[in-house]
C-alpha atoms as a PDB file:
ATOM      1  CA  MET A   1      25.907  81.181  25.138  1.00  0.00           C
ATOM      2  CA  PHE A   2      22.269  81.376  26.143  1.00  0.00           C
ATOM      3  CA  SER A   3      20.140  80.212  29.056  1.00  0.00           C
ATOM      4  CA  LEU A   4      16.416  79.613  29.071  1.00  0.00           C
ATOM      5  CA  SER A   5      14.733  81.578  31.846  1.00  0.00           C
ATOM      6  CA  GLY A   6      10.976  82.009  32.008  1.00  0.00           C
ATOM      7  CA  ASN A   7       9.712  82.508  28.472  1.00  0.00           C
ATOM      8  CA  LYS A   8      12.931  84.010  27.090  1.00  0.00           C
ATOM      9  CA  LEU A   9      16.386  82.902  26.173  1.00  0.00           C
ATOM     10  CA  VAL A  10      19.054  84.746  28.125  1.00  0.00           C
ATOM     11  CA  GLU A  11      22.770  84.620  27.772  1.00  0.00           C
ATOM     12  CA  GLY A  12      24.472  82.604  30.472  1.00  0.00           C
ATOM     13  CA  PRO A  13      27.828  81.112  31.383  1.00  0.00           C
ATOM     14  CA  GLY A  14      27.813  78.084  29.082  1.00  0.00           C
ATOM     15  CA  VAL A  15      24.730  76.224  30.289  1.00  0.00           C
ATOM     16  CA  TYR A  16      21.002  76.303  29.658  1.00  0.00           C
ATOM     17  CA  THR A  17      18.749  76.985  32.642  1.00  0.00           C
ATOM     18  CA  ALA A  18      15.019  77.225  33.000  1.00  0.00           C
ATOM     19  CA  GLY A  19      12.756  78.583  35.705  1.00  0.00           C
ATOM     20  CA  PRO A  20      10.172  81.258  36.535  1.00  0.00           C
ATOM     21  CA  LEU A  21      11.276  84.894  36.112  1.00  0.00           C
ATOM     22  CA  ALA A  22      10.129  85.863  39.568  1.00  0.00           C
ATOM     23  CA  SER A  23      11.897  83.132  41.422  1.00  0.00           C
ATOM     24  CA  GLY A  24      15.388  84.364  40.710  1.00  0.00           C
ATOM     25  CA  GLU A  25      16.602  80.783  40.505  1.00  0.00           C
ATOM     26  CA  ALA A  26      17.216  78.865  37.232  1.00  0.00           C
ATOM     27  CA  LYS A  27      16.923  75.097  36.783  1.00  0.00           C
ATOM     28  CA  VAL A  28      19.576  73.285  34.690  1.00  0.00           C
ATOM     29  CA  LEU A  29      18.151  71.139  31.848  1.00  0.00           C
ATOM     30  CA  PRO A  30      19.267  67.466  31.582  1.00  0.00           C
ATOM     31  CA  ARG A  31      22.147  66.869  29.189  1.00  0.00           C
ATOM     32  CA  PRO A  32      20.112  65.027  26.465  1.00  0.00           C
ATOM     33  CA  LEU A  33      17.521  67.829  26.498  1.00  0.00           C
ATOM     34  CA  ARG A  34      20.237  70.518  26.315  1.00  0.00           C
ATOM     35  CA  ARG A  35      21.639  68.779  23.209  1.00  0.00           C
ATOM     36  CA  LEU A  36      18.208  68.637  21.621  1.00  0.00           C
ATOM     37  CA  VAL A  37      17.628  72.344  22.312  1.00  0.00           C
ATOM     38  CA  ARG A  38      21.040  73.190  20.911  1.00  0.00           C
ATOM     39  CA  PHE A  39      20.310  71.173  17.755  1.00  0.00           C
ATOM     40  CA  VAL A  40      16.900  72.844  17.261  1.00  0.00           C
ATOM     41  CA  LEU A  41      18.387  76.303  17.729  1.00  0.00           C
ATOM     42  CA  SER A  42      21.195  75.552  15.275  1.00  0.00           C
ATOM     43  CA  LEU A  43      18.692  74.201  12.754  1.00  0.00           C
ATOM     44  CA  CYS A  44      16.478  77.280  13.097  1.00  0.00           C
ATOM     45  CA  SER A  45      19.402  79.689  12.867  1.00  0.00           C
ATOM     46  CA  GLY A  46      20.704  78.039   9.679  1.00  0.00           C
ATOM     47  CA  ARG A  47      23.990  76.843  11.113  1.00  0.00           C
ATOM     48  CA  ILE A  48      22.975  73.208  10.262  1.00  0.00           C
ATOM     49  CA  VAL A  49      22.095  72.479   6.623  1.00  0.00           C
ATOM     50  CA  LEU A  50      20.145  69.288   5.886  1.00  0.00           C
ATOM     51  CA  PRO A  51      21.209  67.201   2.839  1.00  0.00           C
ATOM     52  CA  ARG A  52      19.157  67.559  -0.314  1.00  0.00           C
ATOM     53  CA  HIS A  53      16.368  65.012  -0.903  1.00  0.00           C
ATOM     54  CA  LEU A  54      16.506  63.954   2.751  1.00  0.00           C
ATOM     55  CA  GLY A  55      12.745  64.200   2.933  1.00  0.00           C
ATOM     56  CA  LYS A  56      12.206  62.005  -0.109  1.00  0.00           C
ATOM     57  CA  VAL A  57      14.676  59.424   1.161  1.00  0.00           C
ATOM     58  CA  SER A  58      13.063  59.417   4.593  1.00  0.00           C
ATOM     59  CA  LEU A  59       9.607  59.012   3.071  1.00  0.00           C
ATOM     60  CA  ALA A  60      10.814  56.162   0.877  1.00  0.00           C
ATOM     61  CA  GLY A  61      12.428  54.482   3.881  1.00  0.00           C
ATOM     62  CA  PHE A  62       9.243  54.886   5.893  1.00  0.00           C
ATOM     63  CA  TYR A  63       7.150  53.255   3.171  1.00  0.00           C
ATOM     64  CA  GLY A  64       9.752  50.493   2.799  1.00  0.00           C
ATOM     65  CA  ILE A  65       9.574  49.700   6.511  1.00  0.00           C
ATOM     66  CA  VAL A  66       5.770  49.647   6.353  1.00  0.00           C
ATOM     67  CA  CYS A  67       5.812  47.265   3.372  1.00  0.00           C
ATOM     68  CA  LEU A  68       8.379  44.988   5.025  1.00  0.00           C
ATOM     69  CA  HIS A  69       6.281  44.873   8.171  1.00  0.00           C
ATOM     70  CA  GLY A  70       3.199  43.956   6.126  1.00  0.00           C
ATOM     71  CA  VAL A  71       5.076  41.167   4.316  1.00  0.00           C
ATOM     72  CA  VAL A  72       6.357  39.683   7.576  1.00  0.00           C
ATOM     73  CA  VAL A  73       3.056  39.952   9.452  1.00  0.00           C
ATOM     74  CA  GLY A  74       1.083  38.581   6.477  1.00  0.00           C
ATOM     75  CA  GLY A  75       3.375  35.565   6.090  1.00  0.00           C
ATOM     76  CA  HIS A  76       4.427  36.457   2.529  1.00  0.00           C
ATOM     77  CA  GLY A  77       8.157  36.478   3.260  1.00  0.00           C
ATOM     78  CA  PRO A  78       9.007  33.139   1.560  1.00  0.00           C
ATOM     79  CA  ALA A  79       7.031  34.014  -1.570  1.00  0.00           C
ATOM     80  CA  VAL A  80       8.707  37.414  -1.863  1.00  0.00           C
ATOM     81  CA  MET A  81      12.117  35.836  -1.330  1.00  0.00           C
ATOM     82  CA  GLN A  82      11.390  33.217  -4.009  1.00  0.00           C
ATOM     83  CA  SER A  83      10.372  35.910  -6.488  1.00  0.00           C
ATOM     84  CA  VAL A  84      13.333  38.185  -5.800  1.00  0.00           C
ATOM     85  CA  THR A  85      16.021  35.487  -5.831  1.00  0.00           C
ATOM     86  CA  SER A  86      14.530  33.777  -8.907  1.00  0.00           C
ATOM     87  CA  GLY A  87      14.634  37.052 -10.768  1.00  0.00           C
ATOM     88  CA  ALA A  88      18.260  37.442  -9.698  1.00  0.00           C
ATOM     89  CA  GLY A  89      19.257  34.234 -11.539  1.00  0.00           C
ATOM     90  CA  PHE A  90      18.843  31.603  -8.805  1.00  0.00           C
ATOM     91  CA  ALA A  91      15.754  29.859 -10.205  1.00  0.00           C
ATOM     92  CA  VAL A  92      16.017  26.034 -10.248  1.00  0.00           C
ATOM     93  CA  GLU A  93      16.524  24.998 -13.866  1.00  0.00           C
ATOM     94  CA  ASP A  94      17.985  21.475 -13.563  1.00  0.00           C
ATOM     95  CA  VAL A  95      17.240  18.518 -11.279  1.00  0.00           C
ATOM     96  CA  ARG A  96      19.639  15.555 -11.313  1.00  0.00           C
ATOM     97  CA  VAL A  97      18.210  12.345  -9.859  1.00  0.00           C
ATOM     98  CA  SER A  98      20.186   9.136  -9.261  1.00  0.00           C
ATOM     99  CA  GLY A  99      19.475   5.820  -7.535  1.00  0.00           C
ATOM    100  CA  ASN A 100      15.794   5.743  -8.526  1.00  0.00           C
ATOM    101  CA  GLN A 101      15.158   2.334 -10.052  1.00  0.00           C
ATOM    102  CA  HIS A 102      11.509   2.118  -8.980  1.00  0.00           C
ATOM    103  CA  THR A 103      10.705   5.733  -8.031  1.00  0.00           C
ATOM    104  CA  SER A 104       9.305   8.010 -10.736  1.00  0.00           C
ATOM    105  CA  GLU A 105      11.115  11.284 -11.390  1.00  0.00           C
ATOM    106  CA  ILE A 106       7.714  12.939 -11.788  1.00  0.00           C
ATOM    107  CA  ASP A 107       6.836  11.997  -8.198  1.00  0.00           C
ATOM    108  CA  ILE A 108      10.152  13.449  -7.039  1.00  0.00           C
ATOM    109  CA  LEU A 109       9.588  16.768  -8.822  1.00  0.00           C
ATOM    110  CA  GLN A 110       6.060  17.030  -7.462  1.00  0.00           C
ATOM    111  CA  LEU A 111       7.217  16.455  -3.887  1.00  0.00           C
ATOM    112  CA  LEU A 112       9.967  19.056  -4.249  1.00  0.00           C
ATOM    113  CA  GLY A 113       7.380  21.555  -5.508  1.00  0.00           C
ATOM    114  CA  LEU A 114       9.518  22.749  -8.413  1.00  0.00           C
ATOM    115  CA  ASP A 115       7.448  24.795 -10.869  1.00  0.00           C
ATOM    116  CA  GLY A 116      10.108  26.566 -12.945  1.00  0.00           C
ATOM    117  CA  SER A 117      10.198  29.670 -10.752  1.00  0.00           C
ATOM    118  CA  THR A 118      11.373  28.075  -7.517  1.00  0.00           C
ATOM    119  CA  SER A 119      14.453  29.743  -6.085  1.00  0.00           C
ATOM    120  CA  LEU A 120      17.444  27.632  -5.154  1.00  0.00           C
ATOM    121  CA  LEU A 121      18.074  29.903  -2.174  1.00  0.00           C
ATOM    122  CA  GLY A 122      14.540  29.383  -0.880  1.00  0.00           C
ATOM    123  CA  LEU A 123      14.523  25.568  -1.255  1.00  0.00           C
ATOM    124  CA  ASP A 124      14.246  23.889   2.155  1.00  0.00           C
ATOM    125  CA  ILE A 125      16.687  20.954   2.001  1.00  0.00           C
ATOM    126  CA  ALA A 126      15.521  19.335   5.257  1.00  0.00           C
ATOM    127  CA  ALA A 127      11.842  19.473   4.245  1.00  0.00           C
ATOM    128  CA  ALA A 128      12.661  18.095   0.774  1.00  0.00           C
ATOM    129  CA  ARG A 129      14.625  15.201   2.253  1.00  0.00           C
ATOM    130  CA  GLN A 130      11.821  14.356   4.662  1.00  0.00           C
ATOM    131  CA  ALA A 131       9.199  14.480   1.897  1.00  0.00           C
ATOM    132  CA  LEU A 132      11.212  12.164  -0.368  1.00  0.00           C
ATOM    133  CA  SER A 133      11.687   9.693   2.479  1.00  0.00           C
ATOM    134  CA  GLN A 134       7.914   9.212   2.576  1.00  0.00           C
ATOM    135  CA  LEU A 135       7.865   7.664  -0.908  1.00  0.00           C
ATOM    136  CA  PRO A 136       7.189   3.887  -0.764  1.00  0.00           C
ATOM    137  CA  TRP A 137      10.454   2.723  -2.329  1.00  0.00           C
ATOM    138  CA  VAL A 138      12.770   5.313  -0.740  1.00  0.00           C
ATOM    139  CA  GLU A 139      14.861   4.133   2.203  1.00  0.00           C
ATOM    140  CA  SER A 140      16.900   7.351   2.435  1.00  0.00           C
ATOM    141  CA  ALA A 141      17.342  10.498   0.365  1.00  0.00           C
ATOM    142  CA  GLU A 142      20.032  13.152  -0.007  1.00  0.00           C
ATOM    143  CA  VAL A 143      19.271  16.565  -1.525  1.00  0.00           C
ATOM    144  CA  ARG A 144      22.043  19.005  -2.426  1.00  0.00           C
ATOM    145  CA  LYS A 145      22.085  22.513  -3.902  1.00  0.00           C
ATOM    146  CA  VAL A 146      24.532  23.165  -6.727  1.00  0.00           C
ATOM    147  CA  TYR A 147      24.624  26.898  -7.381  1.00  0.00           C
ATOM    148  CA  PRO A 148      23.388  28.745  -9.238  1.00  0.00           C
ATOM    149  CA  SER A 149      20.466  26.659 -10.560  1.00  0.00           C
ATOM    150  CA  THR A 150      20.819  22.881  -9.980  1.00  0.00           C
ATOM    151  CA  VAL A 151      19.398  20.451  -7.421  1.00  0.00           C
ATOM    152  CA  GLU A 152      20.942  16.989  -6.962  1.00  0.00           C
ATOM    153  CA  VAL A 153      18.812  14.161  -5.521  1.00  0.00           C
ATOM    154  CA  VAL A 154      20.446  10.858  -4.540  1.00  0.00           C
ATOM    155  CA  LEU A 155      18.096   8.063  -3.489  1.00  0.00           C
ATOM    156  CA  ARG A 156      18.724   4.773  -1.758  1.00  0.00           C
ATOM    157  CA  GLU A 157      15.811   2.450  -2.494  1.00  0.00           C
ATOM    158  CA  ARG A 158      14.491  -0.531  -0.582  1.00  0.00           C
ATOM    159  CA  GLN A 159      15.098  -4.036  -1.925  1.00  0.00           C
ATOM    160  CA  ALA A 160      12.133  -6.280  -2.718  1.00  0.00           C
ATOM    161  CA  PHE A 161      12.591  -9.747  -1.218  1.00  0.00           C
ATOM    162  CA  GLY A 162       9.252 -11.437  -1.844  1.00  0.00           C
ATOM    163  CA  ILE A 163       5.525 -11.125  -2.461  1.00  0.00           C
ATOM    164  CA  TRP A 164       3.135 -11.370   0.461  1.00  0.00           C
ATOM    165  CA  GLN A 165      -0.470 -12.416  -0.136  1.00  0.00           C
ATOM    166  CA  HIS A 166      -2.842 -11.467   2.659  1.00  0.00           C
ATOM    167  CA  GLY A 167      -6.436 -12.110   1.714  1.00  0.00           C
ATOM    168  CA  SER A 168      -6.822 -10.993  -1.882  1.00  0.00           C
ATOM    169  CA  ASP A 169      -4.134  -8.313  -1.632  1.00  0.00           C
ATOM    170  CA  LEU A 170      -0.575  -8.717  -2.896  1.00  0.00           C
ATOM    171  CA  SER A 171       2.264  -6.620  -1.478  1.00  0.00           C
ATOM    172  CA  LEU A 172       6.002  -6.430  -2.003  1.00  0.00           C
ATOM    173  CA  ILE A 173       8.009  -6.948   1.171  1.00  0.00           C
ATOM    174  CA  GLU A 174      11.597  -6.502   2.306  1.00  0.00           C
ATOM    175  CA  ARG A 175      13.616  -9.314   3.855  1.00  0.00           C
ATOM    176  CA  SER A 176      12.721  -7.915   7.281  1.00  0.00           C
ATOM    177  CA  GLY A 177       9.023  -8.341   6.464  1.00  0.00           C
ATOM    178  CA  SER A 178       8.285  -4.623   6.077  1.00  0.00           C
ATOM    179  CA  VAL A 179       5.757  -3.868   3.357  1.00  0.00           C
ATOM    180  CA  ILE A 180       7.158  -1.744   0.527  1.00  0.00           C
ATOM    181  CA  ALA A 181       4.165  -1.178  -1.734  1.00  0.00           C
ATOM    182  CA  PRO A 182       1.234  -2.996  -3.331  1.00  0.00           C
ATOM    183  CA  LEU A 183       2.143  -5.267  -6.243  1.00  0.00           C
ATOM    184  CA  ARG A 184       1.194  -3.449  -9.459  1.00  0.00           C
ATOM    185  CA  ASP A 185       2.878  -5.309 -12.321  1.00  0.00           C
ATOM    186  CA  ASN A 186       4.465  -8.618 -13.310  1.00  0.00           C
ATOM    187  CA  LYS A 187       8.121  -7.606 -13.233  1.00  0.00           C
ATOM    188  CA  PHE A 188       8.415  -9.078  -9.728  1.00  0.00           C
ATOM    189  CA  ALA A 189       6.797 -12.409 -10.664  1.00  0.00           C
ATOM    190  CA  SER A 190      10.064 -14.279 -10.093  1.00  0.00           C
ATOM    191  CA  LEU A 191      10.098 -13.402  -6.376  1.00  0.00           C
ATOM    192  CA  PRO A 192       8.941 -16.072  -3.891  1.00  0.00           C
ATOM    193  CA  LEU A 193       5.318 -15.930  -2.769  1.00  0.00           C
ATOM    194  CA  PHE A 194       4.431 -16.057   0.930  1.00  0.00           C
ATOM    195  CA  VAL A 195       0.777 -16.538   1.846  1.00  0.00           C
ATOM    196  CA  GLY A 196      -1.093 -16.070   5.095  1.00  0.00           C
ATOM    197  CA  ARG A 197      -1.112 -14.127   8.332  1.00  0.00           C
ATOM    198  CA  ASP A 198       2.370 -13.519   9.803  1.00  0.00           C
ATOM    199  CA  ALA A 199       3.906 -15.009   6.668  1.00  0.00           C
ATOM    200  CA  GLU A 200       5.783 -11.768   5.919  1.00  0.00           C
ATOM    201  CA  THR A 201       7.644 -11.763   9.250  1.00  0.00           C
ATOM    202  CA  ALA A 202       8.675 -15.445   8.992  1.00  0.00           C
ATOM    203  CA  ALA A 203       9.541 -15.359   5.282  1.00  0.00           C
ATOM    204  CA  ALA A 204      13.275 -14.799   5.701  1.00  0.00           C
ATOM    205  CA  VAL A 205      13.645 -17.813   8.031  1.00  0.00           C
ATOM    206  CA  ILE A 206      11.981 -20.333   5.714  1.00  0.00           C
ATOM    207  CA  ASP A 207      13.839 -18.934   2.712  1.00  0.00           C
ATOM    208  CA  GLU A 208      17.117 -19.466   4.554  1.00  0.00           C
ATOM    209  CA  GLU A 209      16.142 -23.087   5.285  1.00  0.00           C
ATOM    210  CA  PHE A 210      15.408 -23.799   1.612  1.00  0.00           C
ATOM    211  CA  SER A 211      18.619 -22.119   0.433  1.00  0.00           C
ATOM    212  CA  ASN A 212      20.479 -25.236   1.592  1.00  0.00           C
ATOM    213  CA  TRP A 213      18.412 -27.388  -0.813  1.00  0.00           C
ATOM    214  CA  PRO A 214      18.448 -25.556  -4.165  1.00  0.00           C
ATOM    215  CA  ALA A 215      16.984 -28.515  -6.104  1.00  0.00           C
ATOM    216  CA  ILE A 216      13.808 -28.338  -4.015  1.00  0.00           C
ATOM    217  CA  ALA A 217      13.803 -24.543  -3.685  1.00  0.00           C
ATOM    218  CA  SER A 218      13.798 -24.108  -7.464  1.00  0.00           C
ATOM    219  CA  ARG A 219      10.483 -25.994  -7.654  1.00  0.00           C
ATOM    220  CA  VAL A 220       8.667 -24.003  -4.944  1.00  0.00           C
ATOM    221  CA  LYS A 221       5.676 -22.001  -6.146  1.00  0.00           C
ATOM    222  CA  ALA A 222       4.405 -20.660  -2.804  1.00  0.00           C
ATOM    223  CA  PHE A 223       5.019 -20.854   0.932  1.00  0.00           C
ATOM    224  CA  VAL A 224       1.715 -20.969   2.850  1.00  0.00           C
ATOM    225  CA  ARG A 225       1.754 -20.119   6.553  1.00  0.00           C
ATOM    226  CA  VAL A 226      -0.500 -22.373   8.630  1.00  0.00           C
ATOM    227  CA  GLY A 227      -1.732 -21.159  12.014  1.00  0.00           C
ATOM    228  CA  GLY A 228       1.265 -18.890  12.441  1.00  0.00           C
ATOM    229  CA  ARG A 229       3.308 -21.991  13.392  1.00  0.00           C
ATOM    230  CA  ARG A 230       4.435 -23.953  10.336  1.00  0.00           C
ATOM    231  CA  TRP A 231       4.472 -24.032   6.512  1.00  0.00           C
ATOM    232  CA  ASP A 232       2.826 -25.856   3.647  1.00  0.00           C
ATOM    233  CA  VAL A 233       5.019 -25.687   0.554  1.00  0.00           C
ATOM    234  CA  HIS A 234       3.311 -25.742  -2.858  1.00  0.00           C
ATOM    235  CA  LEU A 235       5.527 -27.000  -5.689  1.00  0.00           C
ATOM    236  CA  ASP A 236       5.277 -26.100  -9.358  1.00  0.00           C
ATOM    237  CA  ASN A 237       3.776 -29.509 -10.281  1.00  0.00           C
ATOM    238  CA  GLY A 238       0.969 -29.209  -7.723  1.00  0.00           C
ATOM    239  CA  VAL A 239       2.547 -31.340  -4.987  1.00  0.00           C
ATOM    240  CA  ILE A 240       2.039 -29.989  -1.442  1.00  0.00           C
ATOM    241  CA  VAL A 241       4.718 -30.642   1.174  1.00  0.00           C
ATOM    242  CA  ARG A 242       3.616 -30.250   4.788  1.00  0.00           C
ATOM    243  CA  LEU A 243       6.553 -29.251   6.945  1.00  0.00           C
ATOM    244  CA  PRO A 244       6.721 -29.749  10.716  1.00  0.00           C
ATOM    245  CA  GLU A 245       6.586 -26.930  13.231  1.00  0.00           C
ATOM    246  CA  GLY A 246      10.149 -27.638  14.332  1.00  0.00           C
ATOM    247  CA  ASN A 247      13.264 -29.247  12.802  1.00  0.00           C
ATOM    248  CA  VAL A 248      12.521 -28.012   9.289  1.00  0.00           C
ATOM    249  CA  ALA A 249      16.113 -28.726   8.277  1.00  0.00           C
ATOM    250  CA  GLY A 250      15.749 -32.433   9.158  1.00  0.00           C
ATOM    251  CA  ALA A 251      12.444 -32.711   7.267  1.00  0.00           C
ATOM    252  CA  LEU A 252      13.966 -31.133   4.140  1.00  0.00           C
ATOM    253  CA  ALA A 253      16.968 -33.453   4.319  1.00  0.00           C
ATOM    254  CA  LEU A 254      14.600 -36.445   4.450  1.00  0.00           C
ATOM    255  CA  LEU A 255      12.544 -35.101   1.555  1.00  0.00           C
ATOM    256  CA  ASN A 256      15.647 -34.544  -0.528  1.00  0.00           C
ATOM    257  CA  ARG A 257      16.814 -38.129   0.120  1.00  0.00           C
ATOM    258  CA  PHE A 258      13.430 -39.594  -0.865  1.00  0.00           C
ATOM    259  CA  ASP A 259      13.376 -37.520  -4.015  1.00  0.00           C
ATOM    260  CA  GLN A 260      16.884 -38.617  -5.039  1.00  0.00           C
ATOM    261  CA  GLU A 261      16.210 -42.302  -4.317  1.00  0.00           C
ATOM    262  CA  GLN A 262      12.567 -42.648  -5.390  1.00  0.00           C
ATOM    263  CA  GLN A 263      11.763 -39.421  -7.282  1.00  0.00           C
ATOM    264  CA  VAL A 264       8.853 -38.891  -4.934  1.00  0.00           C
ATOM    265  CA  LEU A 265       8.296 -35.270  -6.016  1.00  0.00           C
ATOM    266  CA  SER A 266       8.024 -36.274  -9.686  1.00  0.00           C
ATOM    267  CA  ARG A 267       5.421 -38.969  -9.182  1.00  0.00           C
ATOM    268  CA  ASP A 268       1.655 -38.703  -9.465  1.00  0.00           C
ATOM    269  CA  ILE A 269       1.079 -37.705  -5.863  1.00  0.00           C
ATOM    270  CA  ALA A 270      -0.827 -34.820  -4.276  1.00  0.00           C
ATOM    271  CA  LEU A 271       0.764 -34.451  -0.856  1.00  0.00           C
ATOM    272  CA  VAL A 272       3.830 -35.381   1.183  1.00  0.00           C
ATOM    273  CA  ASP A 273       3.308 -35.074   4.945  1.00  0.00           C
ATOM    274  CA  LEU A 274       6.521 -34.619   6.958  1.00  0.00           C
ATOM    275  CA  ARG A 275       4.941 -33.332  10.172  1.00  0.00           C
ATOM    276  CA  LEU A 276       5.633 -36.529  12.154  1.00  0.00           C
ATOM    277  CA  PRO A 277       9.300 -37.224  12.865  1.00  0.00           C
ATOM    278  CA  ASP A 278       9.030 -41.036  12.643  1.00  0.00           C
ATOM    279  CA  ARG A 279       7.019 -41.472   9.440  1.00  0.00           C
ATOM    280  CA  VAL A 280       6.269 -39.957   6.040  1.00  0.00           C
ATOM    281  CA  ALA A 281       2.716 -39.980   4.667  1.00  0.00           C
ATOM    282  CA  VAL A 282       2.003 -39.711   0.932  1.00  0.00           C
ATOM    283  CA  ARG A 283      -1.375 -38.967  -0.643  1.00  0.00           C
ATOM    284  CA  LEU A 284      -2.002 -39.876  -4.263  1.00  0.00           C
ATOM    285  CA  THR A 285      -3.827 -37.672  -6.711  1.00  0.00           C
ATOM    286  CA  PRO A 286      -7.433 -38.693  -7.542  1.00  0.00           C
ATOM    287  CA  GLY A 287      -6.350 -40.034 -10.946  1.00  0.00           C
ATOM    288  CA  ALA A 288      -3.494 -42.005  -9.454  1.00  0.00           C
ATOM    289  CA  LEU A 289      -5.801 -43.338  -6.749  1.00  0.00           C
ATOM    290  CA  GLU A 290      -8.295 -44.568  -9.350  1.00  0.00           C
ATOM    291  CA  ARG A 291      -5.562 -46.262 -11.326  1.00  0.00           C
ATOM    292  CA  ARG A 292      -4.165 -47.854  -8.190  1.00  0.00           C
ATOM    293  CA  THR A 293      -7.632 -49.056  -7.130  1.00  0.00           C
ATOM    294  CA  ALA A 294      -8.243 -50.524 -10.584  1.00  0.00           C
ATOM    295  CA  ALA A 295      -4.868 -52.246 -10.540  1.00  0.00           C
ATOM    296  CA  LEU A 296      -5.595 -53.746  -7.117  1.00  0.00           C
ATOM    297  CA  ASP A 297      -8.975 -54.995  -8.347  1.00  0.00           C
ATOM    298  CA  GLU A 298      -7.357 -56.646 -11.344  1.00  0.00           C
ATOM    299  CA  ARG A 299      -4.808 -58.238  -9.071  1.00  0.00           C
ATOM    300  CA  ARG A 300      -7.494 -59.636  -6.774  1.00  0.00           C
ATOM    301  CA  LYS A 301      -9.403 -61.040  -9.740  1.00  0.00           C
ATOM    302  CA  ALA A 302      -6.249 -62.685 -11.064  1.00  0.00           C
ATOM    303  CA  LEU A 303      -5.570 -64.253  -7.680  1.00  0.00           C
ATOM    304  CA  LYS A 304      -9.131 -65.628  -7.501  1.00  0.00           C
ATOM    305  CA  LYS A 305      -8.738 -67.240 -10.939  1.00  0.00           C
ATOM    306  CA  LEU A 306      -5.536 -68.873  -9.831  1.00  0.00           C
ATOM    307  CA  GLU A 307      -7.208 -70.185  -6.669  1.00  0.00           C
ATOM    308  CA  ARG A 308     -10.059 -71.732  -8.716  1.00  0.00           C
ATOM    309  CA  LYS A 309      -7.636 -73.496 -10.998  1.00  0.00           C
ATOM    310  CA  ILE A 310      -5.777 -74.901  -8.090  1.00  0.00           C
END
């Protein structure tokens, strides 16, 4: 064994010591330092042989750590992961979409950001689901990975209940009154039309009232909200029915009875006013009014002739 004393190594009883030669006292090195000294001495004396290519491997590892640090600090980790995993056979090659009656598959693919080299491992399911939920028709979306290269998208779409006209704009609405999207084509022309401010929020209530009178409901062309309080109903033959603010069910029952007994909705009239509970007012069309006025004039003339003869 050796001990370190002054500037020389001296043999000692199993420990390494260090200190000035003149002092006569040696200082014991700490255990970690003694091990390091022992390793260096063994390496210099040839008792420890390093593996071949250790230097090359160490250099390669050093450069690898530097590159990894650069990728992480530069924010290129996701792109590198996409490239590596795509090259390993995990690129998205098939997208299966179901439940999309009104949502375009092209819009879905664009939101998912699939470009042919996207890795299935790197696809963020939560972000994809959130992005799809922002589409106008989508109520909820489920996105699943099917390894090694397939993405499944299951949509639940909103149901169009009616058309809401506010100003010159037309929008599709749900039964709750929520706006789905602007009206773009005629495939929803059979839906009921609700016109005016607040008409979208009250649409479900008036539709429920008319569901009890299908004969009248089938002739409705538009429901027009008046003052946010009541409705004017426009029929397909141009007749306008003014409903009261309250007791709509009673007014519709009265209208149905008049129509069955006197066919009031099929006559040449312009308006039926049901706003007052104790009376019904009817306004004739201009043509019908002229004919009625002419008939009354003829009747008066006939009565005058009879009076002269008498």
